Amino acid sequence: MLPIRICRGEFNSGQAFLSARIDGHDIEFLVDTGASSSFIGAHQATDLLPSLGAATKGGASGHIEYGEKIKLHSFELGSRTFSNLLFQRFKSAPIHYLGMDVLRQGSFSFDFPRSLFNWEVATPETPQSYETGPKGHIRLPTSLNTEKLLAIFDTGAGITTVDRDFVKRFNDSFEFIQKIEGGKDINGHLVEMVLYRCHSLIIGNKILENDLALAIDFSSIKKHLGDNAPIILGFNHIAKHCWHFEPNTKLWSLK
């Protein structure tokens, strides 16, 4: 098992970090299941590695950032070691990100109440199926009132985020709290955000009640999330539970 370092913020938001080793260097990564690709910022372990081509990443603002593809000789995460792993390098990025390209290499679990990550955990007795989106996102069966939906499981989202058009459709399920001044996307670009309280959301067999959610314009990210996925399940909801995923069989469980 690998300890998860939790960094908490306002509105019950937060971030989860794991320590990894790149060619003998200890490096901390933000765990981001909402990112299809892992990337690293400026670091002595990777700064001199040759570029293998261009890489891009976007955010909710619609702005595109440009970087490079690189290959890591050795990448260690807990009990797993990867050789010649393709990665992305964005030297201007202030934080290193661990995405689904690494995590989907085996079954994995997040035990957030105990702050532990683990590879290759035994399959629970009553697993459920999940879908993957166009970019490999984990899409979980969800319902709001009687509406059947899909929610993106995103440990990199500090707080659950909802398409603002969806909030307008189901305004009885959302209570306005306040506008957020200076809200930014993953690349640091400004995004208009409004904070709501979501009265009830069902994920799998769990009812998540009276927790906060941000509403933003999903126009620039909707094509990456796939159809019928107006909710990005963020840290404030995720951190209360234990999650298990098996990418090979697309099974998951929640307790």
Protein backbone atom coordinates (compact mmCIF):
# COMPACT_ATOMS: atom_id res chain seq x y z
CA MET A 1 0.00 0.00 0.00
CA LEU A 2 1.07 3.56 -0.72
CA PRO A 3 0.14 6.52 1.51
CA ILE A 4 -1.98 9.25 -0.04
CA ARG A 5 -1.15 12.78 1.05
CA ILE A 6 -4.32 14.83 1.26
CA CYS A 7 -4.28 18.59 0.82
CA ARG A 8 -7.61 20.15 1.78
CA GLY A 9 -9.06 23.46 0.66
CA GLU A 10 -12.15 25.59 1.13
CA PHE A 11 -15.68 24.30 0.41
CA ASN A 12 -14.55 20.74 1.38
CA SER A 13 -12.36 20.64 -1.72
CA GLY A 14 -9.05 18.83 -1.81
CA GLN A 15 -6.28 17.14 -3.74
CA ALA A 16 -4.64 13.72 -3.42
CA PHE A 17 -0.91 13.17 -3.94
CA LEU A 18 1.19 10.02 -4.39
CA SER A 19 4.97 9.68 -4.30
CA ALA A 20 6.68 7.98 -7.24
CA ARG A 21 10.28 7.47 -8.38
CA ILE A 22 11.62 8.43 -11.80
CA ASP A 23 15.09 7.07 -12.50
CA GLY A 24 15.90 7.15 -8.79
CA HIS A 25 14.37 10.59 -8.09
CA ASP A 26 11.47 10.84 -5.61
CA ILE A 27 8.71 12.97 -7.13
CA GLU A 28 5.23 13.73 -5.81
CA PHE A 29 2.30 13.61 -8.25
CA LEU A 30 -1.24 14.91 -8.04
CA VAL A 31 -3.47 11.91 -8.72
CA ASP A 32 -5.83 12.91 -11.52
CA THR A 33 -8.16 10.23 -12.86
CA GLY A 34 -9.71 12.96 -14.98
CA ALA A 35 -6.47 13.28 -16.95
CA SER A 36 -6.04 10.86 -19.83
CA SER A 37 -2.25 11.39 -19.85
CA SER A 38 0.32 11.85 -17.10
CA PHE A 39 2.70 14.78 -17.29
CA ILE A 40 5.58 16.33 -15.42
CA GLY A 41 6.69 19.93 -15.04
CA ALA A 42 10.28 21.13 -14.77
CA HIS A 43 12.41 18.58 -12.89
CA GLN A 44 16.04 17.49 -13.05
CA ALA A 45 14.95 13.87 -13.59
CA THR A 46 13.35 14.66 -16.94
CA ASP A 47 14.51 18.09 -18.16
CA LEU A 48 17.30 16.63 -20.30
CA LEU A 49 15.33 13.73 -21.79
CA PRO A 50 14.94 14.12 -25.58
CA SER A 51 11.63 15.25 -27.02
CA LEU A 52 9.66 12.63 -28.94
CA GLY A 53 7.17 15.06 -30.42
CA ALA A 54 4.57 17.64 -29.48
CA ALA A 55 1.98 17.21 -26.71
CA THR A 56 -1.06 19.32 -25.80
CA LYS A 57 -3.42 19.64 -22.87
CA GLY A 58 -6.57 21.67 -22.46
CA GLY A 59 -8.87 22.85 -19.70
CA ALA A 60 -12.38 24.10 -19.06
CA SER A 61 -11.47 27.58 -20.32
CA GLY A 62 -10.77 26.19 -23.79
CA HIS A 63 -7.13 27.35 -23.77
CA ILE A 64 -4.53 24.86 -25.05
CA GLU A 65 -1.10 24.36 -23.50
CA TYR A 66 1.82 22.94 -25.52
CA GLY A 67 4.52 20.58 -24.35
CA GLU A 68 6.48 17.51 -25.41
CA LYS A 69 6.28 13.74 -25.32
CA ILE A 70 9.15 11.96 -23.55
CA LYS A 71 10.04 8.43 -22.50
CA LEU A 72 10.96 7.57 -18.89
CA HIS A 73 13.55 4.85 -18.38
CA SER A 74 12.03 3.76 -15.06
CA PHE A 75 8.86 4.82 -13.23
CA GLU A 76 8.01 3.28 -9.83
CA LEU A 77 4.64 3.68 -8.12
CA GLY A 78 4.21 1.56 -5.03
CA SER A 79 4.62 -2.12 -5.93
CA ARG A 80 4.66 -1.49 -9.70
CA THR A 81 7.66 -0.55 -11.87
CA PHE A 82 7.25 0.57 -15.48
CA SER A 83 10.08 0.67 -18.04
CA ASN A 84 10.25 2.93 -21.09
CA LEU A 85 7.00 4.64 -20.09
CA LEU A 86 5.67 7.34 -22.41
CA PHE A 87 5.00 10.59 -20.55
CA GLN A 88 4.34 14.23 -21.31
CA ARG A 89 6.46 17.21 -20.25
CA PHE A 90 5.09 20.71 -19.68
CA LYS A 91 7.94 22.66 -18.10
CA SER A 92 5.66 25.55 -17.13
CA ALA A 93 3.34 23.26 -15.11
CA PRO A 94 3.65 23.94 -11.35
CA ILE A 95 2.45 20.44 -10.37
CA HIS A 96 3.18 16.96 -11.75
CA TYR A 97 0.07 14.93 -12.70
CA LEU A 98 -0.52 11.16 -12.58
CA GLY A 99 -3.26 10.25 -15.06
CA MET A 100 -5.21 7.28 -16.33
CA ASP A 101 -2.51 6.17 -18.80
CA VAL A 102 -0.54 4.86 -15.80
CA LEU A 103 -3.41 3.86 -13.51
CA ARG A 104 -5.18 1.70 -16.07
CA GLN A 105 -2.12 -0.63 -16.23
CA GLY A 106 -3.73 -2.74 -13.49
CA SER A 107 -6.57 -2.88 -10.97
CA PHE A 108 -6.26 -0.22 -8.27
CA SER A 109 -8.05 1.14 -5.23
CA PHE A 110 -8.31 4.37 -3.28
CA ASP A 111 -9.08 3.99 0.43
CA PHE A 112 -9.59 7.66 1.18
CA PRO A 113 -10.80 7.27 4.81
CA ARG A 114 -7.40 5.64 5.56
CA SER A 115 -5.49 7.67 2.94
CA LEU A 116 -4.12 4.59 1.12
CA PHE A 117 -3.62 3.62 -2.53
CA ASN A 118 -3.10 0.02 -3.62
CA TRP A 119 -2.51 -1.99 -6.79
CA GLU A 120 -4.08 -5.39 -7.58
CA VAL A 121 -6.72 -5.55 -4.86
CA ALA A 122 -9.02 -8.61 -4.89
CA THR A 123 -12.31 -8.14 -6.74
CA PRO A 124 -15.18 -7.24 -4.34
CA GLU A 125 -18.14 -9.61 -4.08
CA THR A 126 -20.64 -7.31 -5.78
CA PRO A 127 -18.83 -5.24 -8.44
CA GLN A 128 -20.65 -3.05 -10.94
CA SER A 129 -19.79 -2.14 -14.52
CA TYR A 130 -18.55 1.23 -15.70
CA GLU A 131 -18.02 2.85 -19.10
CA THR A 132 -15.03 4.69 -20.48
CA GLY A 133 -15.23 7.95 -22.40
CA PRO A 134 -13.51 9.03 -25.62
CA LYS A 135 -10.35 9.96 -23.66
CA GLY A 136 -10.46 6.96 -21.32
CA HIS A 137 -12.29 8.65 -18.45
CA ILE A 138 -14.07 6.43 -15.92
CA ARG A 139 -17.82 7.04 -16.33
CA LEU A 140 -19.92 5.80 -13.41
CA PRO A 141 -23.70 5.11 -13.43
CA THR A 142 -25.40 7.99 -11.67
CA SER A 143 -28.88 9.32 -11.12
CA LEU A 144 -30.35 12.64 -10.07
CA ASN A 145 -34.01 12.36 -9.16
CA THR A 146 -35.19 9.91 -11.85
CA GLU A 147 -32.67 11.01 -14.50
CA LYS A 148 -30.11 8.34 -15.43
CA LEU A 149 -26.67 9.85 -16.04
CA LEU A 150 -22.96 9.17 -16.11
CA ALA A 151 -20.48 10.90 -13.82
CA ILE A 152 -16.76 11.23 -14.51
CA PHE A 153 -14.65 9.91 -11.60
CA ASP A 154 -12.07 12.68 -11.28
CA THR A 155 -9.69 12.75 -8.31
CA GLY A 156 -8.05 15.81 -9.86
CA ALA A 157 -11.20 17.92 -9.51
CA GLY A 158 -11.06 19.60 -6.12
CA ILE A 159 -14.83 19.79 -5.97
CA THR A 160 -17.64 18.12 -7.91
CA THR A 161 -18.39 20.09 -11.06
CA VAL A 162 -21.61 20.15 -13.08
CA ASP A 163 -22.52 21.47 -16.52
CA ARG A 164 -24.33 24.77 -15.94
CA ASP A 165 -26.98 23.83 -18.55
CA PHE A 166 -27.72 20.72 -16.49
CA VAL A 167 -28.21 22.86 -13.38
CA LYS A 168 -30.71 24.98 -15.28
CA ARG A 169 -32.66 21.84 -16.30
CA PHE A 170 -32.77 20.49 -12.75
CA ASN A 171 -32.76 23.71 -10.75
CA ASP A 172 -34.96 22.19 -8.01
CA SER A 173 -32.07 19.85 -7.14
CA PHE A 174 -29.51 22.65 -6.75
CA GLU A 175 -29.47 25.45 -4.18
CA PHE A 176 -27.52 28.59 -5.14
CA ILE A 177 -24.72 29.46 -2.70
CA GLN A 178 -22.49 32.07 -4.35
CA LYS A 179 -20.50 33.09 -7.40
CA ILE A 180 -16.81 32.21 -7.27
CA GLU A 181 -14.44 35.04 -8.08
CA GLY A 182 -11.17 34.17 -9.82
CA GLY A 183 -11.97 30.50 -10.54
CA LYS A 184 -9.37 28.80 -12.75
CA ASP A 185 -9.01 25.61 -14.78
CA ILE A 186 -6.11 23.12 -14.72
CA ASN A 187 -3.95 25.48 -16.79
CA GLY A 188 -4.57 28.52 -14.61
CA HIS A 189 -7.00 30.26 -16.98
CA LEU A 190 -10.06 32.02 -15.60
CA VAL A 191 -13.39 30.16 -15.73
CA GLU A 192 -16.79 31.49 -14.65
CA MET A 193 -17.96 29.36 -11.69
CA VAL A 194 -21.06 29.30 -9.49
CA LEU A 195 -21.27 27.30 -6.25
CA TYR A 196 -24.42 25.27 -5.50
CA ARG A 197 -25.54 22.70 -2.97
CA CYS A 198 -26.69 19.47 -4.63
CA HIS A 199 -29.52 17.99 -2.59
CA SER A 200 -29.10 14.34 -3.58
CA LEU A 201 -26.96 12.38 -6.01
CA ILE A 202 -26.88 8.59 -6.37
CA ILE A 203 -23.57 7.01 -7.44
CA GLY A 204 -23.81 3.24 -7.80
CA ASN A 205 -25.55 2.14 -4.60
CA LYS A 206 -24.64 5.20 -2.52
CA ILE A 207 -26.78 8.27 -1.92
CA LEU A 208 -24.63 11.39 -1.62
CA GLU A 209 -26.65 14.16 0.00
CA ASN A 210 -26.32 17.91 0.51
CA ASP A 211 -22.80 18.38 -0.77
CA LEU A 212 -21.35 21.24 -2.80
CA ALA A 213 -20.88 21.41 -6.57
CA LEU A 214 -19.53 24.00 -8.97
CA ALA A 215 -21.41 24.85 -12.16
CA ILE A 216 -19.35 25.78 -15.23
CA ASP A 217 -19.78 25.85 -18.99
CA PHE A 218 -18.92 22.36 -20.32
CA SER A 219 -18.78 23.50 -23.97
CA SER A 220 -15.01 23.11 -24.34
CA ILE A 221 -14.77 19.74 -22.55
CA LYS A 222 -18.03 17.98 -23.42
CA LYS A 223 -16.59 16.16 -26.45
CA HIS A 224 -13.85 14.66 -24.27
CA LEU A 225 -16.30 13.40 -21.63
CA GLY A 226 -18.73 11.65 -24.00
CA ASP A 227 -22.51 11.67 -24.14
CA ASN A 228 -24.76 12.05 -21.09
CA ALA A 229 -21.95 12.90 -18.65
CA PRO A 230 -22.88 16.32 -17.18
CA ILE A 231 -21.23 15.64 -13.80
CA ILE A 232 -17.55 15.45 -12.84
CA LEU A 233 -17.39 13.74 -9.47
CA GLY A 234 -14.72 15.59 -7.50
CA PHE A 235 -12.72 15.25 -4.31
CA ASN A 236 -15.38 16.50 -1.88
CA HIS A 237 -17.60 13.52 -2.82
CA ILE A 238 -14.85 11.01 -3.60
CA ALA A 239 -12.84 11.46 -0.36
CA LYS A 240 -15.60 10.04 1.85
CA HIS A 241 -15.38 6.49 0.43
CA CYS A 242 -13.27 3.55 -0.73
CA TRP A 243 -13.13 2.94 -4.50
CA HIS A 244 -11.95 -0.09 -6.46
CA PHE A 245 -11.44 -0.22 -10.25
CA GLU A 246 -10.48 -2.96 -12.68
CA PRO A 247 -9.73 -1.36 -16.08
CA ASN A 248 -9.35 -4.69 -17.90
CA THR A 249 -12.91 -5.81 -17.07
CA LYS A 250 -14.39 -2.34 -16.43
CA LEU A 251 -15.66 -3.36 -13.01
CA TRP A 252 -15.81 -1.10 -9.98
CA SER A 253 -17.12 -0.94 -6.44
CA LEU A 254 -17.77 1.67 -3.80
CA LYS A 255 -18.03 1.34 -0.04
